[in-house]
Each structure stands twice: as C-alpha cells, then as structure tokens.
Amino acid sequence: MIKLFEPFENKTFPVKNRFVRAATWLGACDGATGRATPAAISRQAETAAGGAGTVISEFAYVSPEGQAAPKQWGIDVEEAVGDVRQLSAAVHGAGSKLVVQICHAGGARMSASSRGLPAYSPSGGEYPGSDIIAQAMSEEDIKKVCRDFAAAAKRAKDGGADGVEIHGAHGFLLTQFLSPLINRREDRYGGSFENRLRLTREVYAAVRGAVGADFSVWLKISATEGAEGGYGSDEGTEAALTLLRDGVNVVEVSSGTGYATSEHIPSVVGVSAGESEAPFAPYAAKIRASAPQNSLVLLTGGLRSLPVMAALLEDGVADLFGLSRPFNAEPDLINRWAEDDARPSACISCNACFKTAAYGVVDCPIMRDRQEGNWDPL
C-alpha cells in the first residue's frame, strides 16, 4: 500500500501520490455569471490540503448553451482565468496539481440552467431524463463546439492549471455523439463508430492546438453507455485507445450515463469497501493492457479502501485512482490514511451529498459537521 503514497515519477504527469480528487459538481458558483465563489474555491482546494496529489476541478461549461446544471462553473469567458488562478494558487499551495475539467452538456441539461438559451444535441429531440427539447446541430454548430473547447483549455492553461480534462463521459455532448442510441445523424458525424467518434477527436485536436504539445490533456470517458441500444465496452475501449494514440496523455475511466441501468450509473449507490468496490475496474484493465507507452489510466468510481486500490495498482489495472463522494465526506481522507488509520472511507454511497447543492454547496450531510453549511439535517 505504500506505493500509493509515494511520488509517481513518469514522463506524462509526475505527481506526489496516486490519489486524485475526481471532478465533482458543487453547485456553489454564481448562478448568473458562472464565476467561482470563495466556497467553490475552498471546497476544491481543501482536498489538496487533505492529501490528494491531484485535484480535477468541477466540470466547467465551455459555452452558456453547454451549461449542464445550476450554479455550475463557467470557463466560457476571459474572466474565468482569474478563477483558475485562484484555484491553482490554492491547490499548488498544498503541493498538489490542478487539472481543469471542461464540458459541453449538449442535450443533457436541467431547465433551471438554460438561461433561455437553446440546447443542442447530435440529432435534436428529447434527451432521456431531460425536460428540454434540443435542436439538431449543424456543422457550423459543431465547429463552434471545437472552438469553445479550445478557448476554454487555453484559459485553464493561462490560469496556471497543470492540465485540462475533456469531459467525454456520463451522457454529455461527446457521449451523445458516440452513442448510437442518441446520435441518429446520417452525415460524417453519425452512423459508423469512426463517424460517431469524430467530434471527440476533433475537440481533442482543437484543444491540443490551443495549449501546445507540452501541456497535459486528459479525457474522461464512459467505458460503456450502459443502456439498451447504446455503445458497449468494446467501442468504449476502442474510443479510449484511439484518443490515447492521438496524443491524449491520461484517460479517466468511468462508466454509464444518467439514463443507464443501475449498475452503470456513474455515482453507483450502495458501494462499500470489499466485494462491491471498484465496479469499473474491468474496463480500466482492458484499456490499460493496450494503452500506448507513457500514457496513463485513471480509474474512478466506487473506490473506498486502500487494499483494493493497492491490489489494482499492483495488478496494472490503473496508474491513478479517483475518488469523489468519499472526499465530500472526508476531505482529509488521504492524510488520515497516510497517518496509518487505514479504515475505509466513511462514505456509504447514498448520494445524499448531491441534494445539498440547494443549500449552497455540495457536501456530505451525514459525515461532515452540519455547522459548516446551511442545509437542514437529512
């Protein structure tokens, strides 16, 4: 288990340990402007102070029409560079690295976040679980998405981040294009696997062009869509490997969408330390086995205990390990583990944390001191 805590020297993304704070929507940014608030900065930086070697920011929308959720962070304007500078300074001050996650929701939007703007998706129409009717994207719309991702990535770099992560998972726009269930286009962006993956590759190329060859670019992917009629793990694996061959430095392996079957929903309920832990590890292992030299695989989802992560590292399943909900419950979890208190995370995977956004910031209403927030005890 010691190896998890040791500096990981590599040519791609050297870090002080193998633990990553996976991106987590906080619901704490300014609802009108998307600017980060002190609460949004401190909630992310506290995990770095708590021992995580890398912090992935909450998902930041690259354009107003790409906003997914209320009070989400926006990196769509130059003023966002100041937000990144604040977050970078706080994370770097704790000796950790910052990766900014950038995202376009496509049709996967909440009406409360729409600001009256139209939603866009590959083919238009209703998105599963959404109350918004999206417009089908034109090729000019697609080109704008690439430009928006590139500009957002440049802002992250200008703000002092150590890397940027393209969100291609969990049912957002890039997942929608990869999905044969959602994508019914008949042009060069629909139909075959190569066509459905085209936008993700074009977004990556635009981002790489904006940040240069030496800046770390990551991709988060759902290894399987997890729904009848959607793409399976064979296509998910090939998508990840294709982007790694294109030059992506790190692939973060997750699974599913908001409309997936229960075992594939990204925030799986009921995970506990032991046999139900790390449900997406088989997908990461498949990708890691064929990944190009010097690329890294980050496994996220349902990780709760040191012995499981140590075994996955020893078996070559993944290089880095991402946790989200456990840090909502215990932001200093890694420091606790480093101090020889190896009890599993106190997180019980109930997802009550996501209900607290209505009260100002996503947090754990069970484990953390309720005096820190304004919500009623659940």
Protein backbone atom coordinates (compact mmCIF):
# COMPACT_ATOMS: atom_id res chain seq x y z
CA MET A 1 0.00 0.00 0.00
CA ILE A 2 2.98 2.30 0.49
CA LYS A 3 3.36 2.68 -3.28
CA LEU A 4 0.05 4.55 -3.43
CA PHE A 5 1.53 7.34 -1.30
CA GLU A 6 4.94 7.56 -2.95
CA PRO A 7 5.77 10.14 -5.63
CA PHE A 8 4.88 8.79 -9.06
CA GLU A 9 7.69 9.79 -11.39
CA ASN A 10 6.76 9.47 -15.05
CA LYS A 11 7.16 11.37 -18.31
CA THR A 12 3.49 12.19 -18.61
CA PHE A 13 2.24 13.72 -15.35
CA PRO A 14 4.53 13.37 -12.29
CA VAL A 15 2.56 13.59 -9.04
CA LYS A 16 3.23 13.31 -5.32
CA ASN A 17 0.90 10.32 -4.93
CA ARG A 18 -1.63 8.22 -6.84
CA PHE A 19 -4.78 9.79 -5.37
CA VAL A 20 -6.96 12.12 -7.44
CA ARG A 21 -9.91 14.23 -6.41
CA ALA A 22 -12.29 13.35 -9.26
CA ALA A 23 -14.40 16.18 -10.68
CA THR A 24 -17.49 16.92 -8.60
CA TRP A 25 -20.26 19.39 -9.31
CA LEU A 26 -20.51 21.68 -6.29
CA GLY A 27 -23.44 23.96 -7.11
CA ALA A 28 -21.59 26.82 -5.44
CA CYS A 29 -20.73 29.21 -8.28
CA ASP A 30 -22.53 32.44 -9.14
CA GLY A 31 -25.75 31.42 -10.84
CA ALA A 32 -25.87 34.46 -13.12
CA THR A 33 -22.25 34.67 -14.26
CA GLY A 34 -20.69 31.25 -13.61
CA ARG A 35 -17.86 32.86 -11.65
CA ALA A 36 -16.30 30.82 -8.88
CA THR A 37 -17.18 31.86 -5.33
CA PRO A 38 -14.94 31.54 -2.26
CA ALA A 39 -16.94 28.46 -1.27
CA ALA A 40 -16.33 26.84 -4.67
CA ILE A 41 -12.59 27.50 -4.44
CA SER A 42 -12.20 26.34 -0.85
CA ARG A 43 -14.24 23.15 -1.29
CA GLN A 44 -11.94 22.03 -4.10
CA ALA A 45 -8.69 23.19 -2.53
CA GLU A 46 -9.38 21.51 0.81
CA THR A 47 -8.93 18.09 -0.77
CA ALA A 48 -5.42 19.08 -1.84
CA ALA A 49 -4.71 20.17 1.72
CA GLY A 50 -6.17 16.83 2.77
CA GLY A 51 -3.52 14.92 0.85
CA ALA A 52 -4.79 14.27 -2.69
CA GLY A 53 -1.91 14.59 -5.14
CA THR A 54 -4.13 15.86 -7.95
CA VAL A 55 -7.39 17.81 -7.96
CA ILE A 56 -9.67 17.75 -11.00
CA SER A 57 -11.91 20.79 -10.88
CA GLU A 58 -15.66 20.61 -11.04
CA PHE A 59 -16.87 20.46 -14.64
CA ALA A 60 -16.76 23.87 -16.27
CA TYR A 61 -19.02 24.70 -19.20
CA VAL A 62 -17.28 25.92 -22.35
CA SER A 63 -20.25 27.97 -23.57
CA PRO A 64 -23.51 29.20 -21.98
CA GLU A 65 -25.61 26.82 -24.09
CA GLY A 66 -23.38 23.99 -22.85
CA GLN A 67 -24.18 24.55 -19.18
CA ALA A 68 -25.47 21.39 -17.53
CA ALA A 69 -26.53 22.36 -14.01
CA PRO A 70 -27.49 25.37 -11.88
CA LYS A 71 -24.64 27.32 -10.29
CA GLN A 72 -22.11 25.41 -12.37
CA TRP A 73 -18.67 26.89 -13.01
CA GLY A 74 -18.23 28.58 -16.39
CA ILE A 75 -14.94 28.84 -18.27
CA ASP A 76 -16.56 30.45 -21.30
CA VAL A 77 -15.21 33.99 -20.82
CA GLU A 78 -11.79 35.52 -20.15
CA GLU A 79 -12.82 36.48 -16.61
CA ALA A 80 -12.66 32.77 -15.79
CA VAL A 81 -8.85 32.93 -16.00
CA GLY A 82 -8.97 34.70 -12.64
CA ASP A 83 -10.99 31.83 -11.17
CA VAL A 84 -8.40 29.35 -12.39
CA ARG A 85 -5.60 31.46 -10.92
CA GLN A 86 -7.26 31.42 -7.51
CA LEU A 87 -7.85 27.69 -7.61
CA SER A 88 -4.37 26.96 -8.95
CA ALA A 89 -2.76 29.01 -6.19
CA ALA A 90 -4.74 27.20 -3.50
CA VAL A 91 -4.08 23.72 -4.89
CA HIS A 92 -0.40 24.39 -5.61
CA GLY A 93 -0.02 25.85 -2.14
CA ALA A 94 -0.83 22.41 -0.76
CA GLY A 95 1.78 20.79 -3.02
CA SER A 96 -0.77 19.24 -5.39
CA LYS A 97 -1.59 19.62 -9.08
CA LEU A 98 -4.71 21.01 -10.73
CA VAL A 99 -6.48 19.70 -13.82
CA VAL A 100 -9.44 21.73 -15.07
CA GLN A 101 -12.33 19.69 -16.47
CA ILE A 102 -14.15 21.28 -19.43
CA CYS A 103 -17.55 20.17 -20.67
CA HIS A 104 -20.45 20.80 -23.03
CA ALA A 105 -23.75 19.35 -21.85
CA GLY A 106 -25.43 19.04 -25.23
CA GLY A 107 -28.95 17.82 -24.61
CA ALA A 108 -28.18 16.73 -21.04
CA ARG A 109 -29.29 19.94 -19.36
CA MET A 110 -31.53 20.89 -16.49
CA SER A 111 -34.12 23.51 -17.46
CA ALA A 112 -33.05 25.52 -14.40
CA SER A 113 -29.66 26.07 -16.06
CA SER A 114 -30.93 27.02 -19.51
CA ARG A 115 -30.99 30.86 -19.17
CA GLY A 116 -33.47 30.73 -22.05
CA LEU A 117 -30.79 29.50 -24.45
CA PRO A 118 -31.44 26.64 -26.89
CA ALA A 119 -29.97 23.22 -26.17
CA TYR A 120 -28.10 21.31 -28.85
CA SER A 121 -27.58 17.61 -29.44
CA PRO A 122 -26.45 15.43 -32.36
CA SER A 123 -29.91 14.80 -33.77
CA GLY A 124 -32.21 17.03 -31.73
CA GLY A 125 -35.31 15.99 -29.84
CA GLU A 126 -35.71 14.83 -26.27
CA TYR A 127 -32.77 13.61 -24.23
CA PRO A 128 -33.51 10.74 -21.81
CA GLY A 129 -34.40 12.17 -18.42
CA SER A 130 -34.30 15.81 -19.55
CA ASP A 131 -37.21 18.21 -19.83
CA ILE A 132 -35.58 20.17 -22.66
CA ILE A 133 -36.13 19.64 -26.40
CA ALA A 134 -32.77 20.06 -28.11
CA GLN A 135 -32.02 21.34 -31.59
CA ALA A 136 -30.04 19.21 -34.03
CA MET A 137 -26.54 20.58 -34.53
CA SER A 138 -25.37 21.93 -37.86
CA GLU A 139 -21.76 21.52 -38.97
CA GLU A 140 -21.18 25.17 -38.03
CA ASP A 141 -22.51 24.39 -34.53
CA ILE A 142 -20.03 21.51 -34.35
CA LYS A 143 -17.15 23.76 -35.41
CA LYS A 144 -18.16 26.24 -32.69
CA VAL A 145 -18.04 23.48 -30.07
CA CYS A 146 -14.45 22.72 -31.08
CA ARG A 147 -13.53 26.40 -30.87
CA ASP A 148 -15.21 26.72 -27.48
CA PHE A 149 -13.34 23.73 -26.03
CA ALA A 150 -10.06 25.10 -27.38
CA ALA A 151 -10.64 28.55 -25.90
CA ALA A 152 -11.62 27.06 -22.54
CA ALA A 153 -8.49 24.91 -22.47
CA LYS A 154 -6.33 27.96 -23.20
CA ARG A 155 -7.97 29.81 -20.30
CA ALA A 156 -7.18 26.90 -17.99
CA LYS A 157 -3.56 26.96 -19.08
CA ASP A 158 -3.33 30.76 -18.77
CA GLY A 159 -4.69 30.49 -15.23
CA GLY A 160 -1.86 28.22 -14.13
CA ALA A 161 -3.54 24.81 -14.24
CA ASP A 162 -1.29 21.79 -14.78
CA GLY A 163 -3.64 20.15 -17.25
CA VAL A 164 -7.10 20.12 -18.76
CA GLU A 165 -9.60 17.26 -18.96
CA ILE A 166 -12.12 16.95 -21.79
CA HIS A 167 -15.36 15.54 -20.37
CA GLY A 168 -16.44 12.82 -22.78
CA ALA A 169 -18.41 10.75 -20.27
CA HIS A 170 -21.71 10.49 -18.41
CA GLY A 171 -24.07 11.37 -21.22
CA PHE A 172 -22.83 14.86 -22.06
CA LEU A 173 -22.33 16.09 -25.62
CA LEU A 174 -19.35 13.95 -26.64
CA THR A 175 -21.04 10.85 -25.22
CA GLN A 176 -24.16 11.78 -27.17
CA PHE A 177 -22.20 11.80 -30.42
CA LEU A 178 -20.59 8.44 -29.61
CA SER A 179 -23.97 6.94 -28.72
CA PRO A 180 -25.84 5.05 -31.46
CA LEU A 181 -28.90 5.50 -29.24
CA ILE A 182 -28.78 9.31 -29.26
CA ASN A 183 -26.86 10.01 -32.48
CA ARG A 184 -29.08 9.37 -35.50
CA ARG A 185 -27.16 11.58 -37.91
CA GLU A 186 -26.57 10.46 -41.49
CA ASP A 187 -23.55 12.66 -42.24
CA ARG A 188 -19.87 12.21 -41.35
CA TYR A 189 -20.67 12.57 -37.64
CA GLY A 190 -23.12 9.68 -37.45
CA GLY A 191 -23.53 6.02 -38.32
CA SER A 192 -20.21 4.18 -38.06
CA PHE A 193 -18.07 4.07 -34.93
CA GLU A 194 -15.43 6.20 -36.65
CA ASN A 195 -18.01 8.84 -37.52
CA ARG A 196 -19.57 8.88 -34.06
CA LEU A 197 -16.11 9.34 -32.50
CA ARG A 198 -15.16 12.09 -34.93
CA LEU A 199 -16.27 15.04 -32.78
CA THR A 200 -14.32 13.84 -29.75
CA ARG A 201 -11.19 13.55 -31.88
CA GLU A 202 -11.77 16.99 -33.40
CA VAL A 203 -12.29 18.52 -29.96
CA TYR A 204 -9.05 16.95 -28.77
CA ALA A 205 -7.17 18.23 -31.83
CA ALA A 206 -8.51 21.75 -31.24
CA VAL A 207 -7.58 21.63 -27.56
CA ARG A 208 -4.10 20.35 -28.32
CA GLY A 209 -3.62 23.10 -30.87
CA ALA A 210 -4.61 25.70 -28.28
CA VAL A 211 -2.41 24.52 -25.40
CA GLY A 212 0.62 23.09 -27.19
CA ALA A 213 2.42 19.77 -27.15
CA ASP A 214 3.82 20.03 -23.62
CA PHE A 215 0.58 20.70 -21.73
CA SER A 216 -1.21 17.71 -20.21
CA VAL A 217 -4.54 16.88 -21.88
CA TRP A 218 -6.85 14.28 -20.31
CA LEU A 219 -10.07 12.64 -21.47
CA LYS A 220 -12.83 11.29 -19.25
CA ILE A 221 -14.84 8.54 -20.90
CA SER A 222 -17.69 6.23 -20.02
CA ALA A 223 -16.32 2.83 -20.99
CA THR A 224 -19.86 1.70 -21.77
CA GLU A 225 -23.04 3.68 -22.24
CA GLY A 226 -24.83 1.19 -20.04
CA ALA A 227 -28.18 1.39 -21.81
CA GLU A 228 -30.03 -0.79 -24.29
CA GLY A 229 -29.18 0.41 -27.78
CA GLY A 230 -26.14 2.32 -26.58
CA TYR A 231 -22.47 1.57 -27.18
CA GLY A 232 -20.80 -1.24 -25.25
CA SER A 233 -17.39 -1.72 -23.70
CA ASP A 234 -15.73 -2.81 -26.95
CA GLU A 235 -16.46 0.54 -28.56
CA GLY A 236 -15.75 2.39 -25.32
CA THR A 237 -12.35 0.72 -25.07
CA GLU A 238 -11.51 1.46 -28.69
CA ALA A 239 -12.59 5.09 -28.25
CA ALA A 240 -10.23 5.49 -25.29
CA LEU A 241 -7.34 3.81 -27.10
CA THR A 242 -7.91 5.87 -30.25
CA LEU A 243 -7.68 9.12 -28.29
CA LEU A 244 -4.58 7.91 -26.47
CA ARG A 245 -2.99 7.13 -29.82
CA ASP A 246 -3.99 10.61 -30.98
CA GLY A 247 -1.97 12.04 -28.10
CA VAL A 248 -4.23 12.29 -25.05
CA ASN A 249 -1.96 11.93 -22.01
CA VAL A 250 -4.37 10.47 -19.45
CA VAL A 251 -7.67 8.65 -19.86
CA GLU A 252 -10.03 8.66 -16.89
CA VAL A 253 -12.22 5.55 -16.97
CA SER A 254 -15.76 5.81 -15.65
CA SER A 255 -18.98 4.24 -16.89
CA GLY A 256 -22.55 4.92 -17.77
CA THR A 257 -24.90 7.86 -18.11
CA GLY A 258 -27.82 9.29 -16.21
CA TYR A 259 -30.14 7.01 -18.19
CA ALA A 260 -28.03 3.87 -17.78
CA THR A 261 -29.09 0.75 -15.91
CA SER A 262 -28.43 0.90 -12.17
CA GLU A 263 -25.08 -0.91 -12.26
CA HIS A 264 -23.72 1.57 -14.79
CA ILE A 265 -24.87 4.87 -13.28
CA PRO A 266 -21.65 6.85 -12.62
CA SER A 267 -22.46 7.52 -8.95
CA VAL A 268 -23.34 3.92 -8.13
CA VAL A 269 -25.46 3.65 -4.98
CA GLY A 270 -24.61 1.15 -2.26
CA VAL A 271 -20.90 0.69 -2.94
CA SER A 272 -18.97 -0.38 0.14
CA ALA A 273 -15.42 -1.48 0.85
CA GLY A 274 -14.79 -5.02 -0.28
CA GLU A 275 -16.56 -7.06 -2.92
CA SER A 276 -18.77 -4.28 -4.36
CA GLU A 277 -15.88 -1.84 -4.65
CA ALA A 278 -14.31 -0.57 -7.91
CA PRO A 279 -17.13 -1.70 -10.26
CA PHE A 280 -15.46 -0.15 -13.33
CA ALA A 281 -12.04 -1.76 -12.80
CA PRO A 282 -12.52 -4.39 -15.56
CA TYR A 283 -12.94 -1.60 -18.13
CA ALA A 284 -9.80 0.19 -16.93
CA ALA A 285 -7.82 -3.06 -17.07
CA LYS A 286 -8.87 -3.63 -20.67
CA ILE A 287 -7.77 -0.13 -21.68
CA ARG A 288 -4.56 -0.22 -19.66
CA ALA A 289 -3.49 -3.50 -21.26
CA SER A 290 -3.33 -1.90 -24.72
CA ALA A 291 -2.55 1.72 -23.86
CA PRO A 292 0.41 3.35 -25.63
CA GLN A 293 3.68 3.72 -23.75
CA ASN A 294 3.86 6.76 -21.44
CA SER A 295 0.08 7.21 -21.36
CA LEU A 296 -1.71 6.87 -18.03
CA VAL A 297 -5.04 5.39 -16.95
CA LEU A 298 -7.04 6.89 -14.09
CA LEU A 299 -9.77 4.70 -12.58
CA THR A 300 -12.70 6.48 -10.96
CA GLY A 301 -15.87 5.13 -9.38
CA GLY A 302 -16.68 3.25 -6.19
CA LEU A 303 -13.18 3.22 -4.68
CA ARG A 304 -13.34 3.07 -0.90
CA SER A 305 -10.36 1.23 0.61
CA LEU A 306 -6.58 1.11 0.45
CA PRO A 307 -6.22 -2.67 -0.01
CA VAL A 308 -8.40 -2.64 -3.13
CA MET A 309 -6.51 0.26 -4.73
CA ALA A 310 -3.15 -1.26 -3.79
CA ALA A 311 -4.14 -4.53 -5.46
CA LEU A 312 -5.39 -2.73 -8.59
CA LEU A 313 -2.10 -0.83 -8.81
CA GLU A 314 -0.07 -4.00 -8.33
CA ASP A 315 -2.09 -5.79 -11.00
CA GLY A 316 -1.54 -3.00 -13.52
CA VAL A 317 -5.23 -2.09 -13.77
CA ALA A 318 -4.66 1.66 -13.38
CA ASP A 319 -1.95 4.19 -12.62
CA LEU A 320 -4.06 6.72 -10.71
CA PHE A 321 -7.19 6.44 -8.58
CA GLY A 322 -10.01 8.98 -8.49
CA LEU A 323 -12.45 9.49 -5.64
CA SER A 324 -15.35 11.94 -5.48
CA ARG A 325 -18.03 11.22 -2.90
CA PRO A 326 -15.51 9.99 -0.29
CA PHE A 327 -13.92 13.45 -0.35
CA ASN A 328 -17.33 15.06 0.17
CA ALA A 329 -17.47 13.11 3.43
CA GLU A 330 -13.79 13.38 4.41
CA PRO A 331 -11.69 15.98 2.60
CA ASP A 332 -8.65 14.91 4.65
CA LEU A 333 -9.10 11.22 3.83
CA ILE A 334 -5.65 10.78 2.24
CA ASN A 335 -3.90 12.36 5.22
CA ARG A 336 -5.83 10.02 7.53
CA TRP A 337 -4.72 7.02 5.52
CA ALA A 338 -1.14 8.29 5.42
CA GLU A 339 -1.16 8.51 9.22
CA ASP A 340 -1.78 4.74 9.48
CA ASP A 341 -5.53 4.97 10.01
CA ALA A 342 -6.39 2.59 7.18
CA ARG A 343 -10.10 2.27 7.85
CA PRO A 344 -12.08 2.51 4.59
CA SER A 345 -13.71 5.75 3.54
CA ALA A 346 -16.68 6.69 5.68
CA CYS A 347 -18.74 7.32 2.53
CA ILE A 348 -21.76 5.00 2.35
CA SER A 349 -22.56 5.84 -1.31
CA CYS A 350 -26.03 7.14 -0.54
CA ASN A 351 -25.76 10.20 -2.85
CA ALA A 352 -27.30 12.47 -0.22
CA CYS A 353 -24.41 14.86 -0.91
CA PHE A 354 -25.91 15.92 -4.23
CA LYS A 355 -29.10 17.09 -2.52
CA THR A 356 -27.18 19.69 -0.53
CA ALA A 357 -26.42 21.91 -3.54
CA ALA A 358 -29.78 23.60 -3.00
CA TYR A 359 -28.39 24.95 0.27
CA GLY A 360 -25.22 26.48 -1.16
CA VAL A 361 -22.59 23.81 -1.80
CA VAL A 362 -22.44 20.05 -2.36
CA ASP A 363 -21.30 18.43 0.86
CA CYS A 364 -21.93 15.34 2.98
CA PRO A 365 -24.84 15.97 5.37
CA ILE A 366 -24.10 12.75 7.24
CA MET A 367 -20.38 12.78 7.97
CA ARG A 368 -19.44 16.45 8.00
CA ASP A 369 -20.24 18.97 10.69
CA ARG A 370 -23.60 20.47 9.83
CA GLN A 371 -22.41 23.77 11.25
CA GLU A 372 -20.35 24.21 8.06
CA GLY A 373 -23.44 24.52 5.87
CA ASN A 374 -26.95 25.91 5.78
CA TRP A 375 -28.98 22.81 4.97
CA ASP A 376 -31.39 21.02 7.23
CA PRO A 377 -30.20 17.66 8.61
CA LEU A 378 -31.49 14.87 6.39
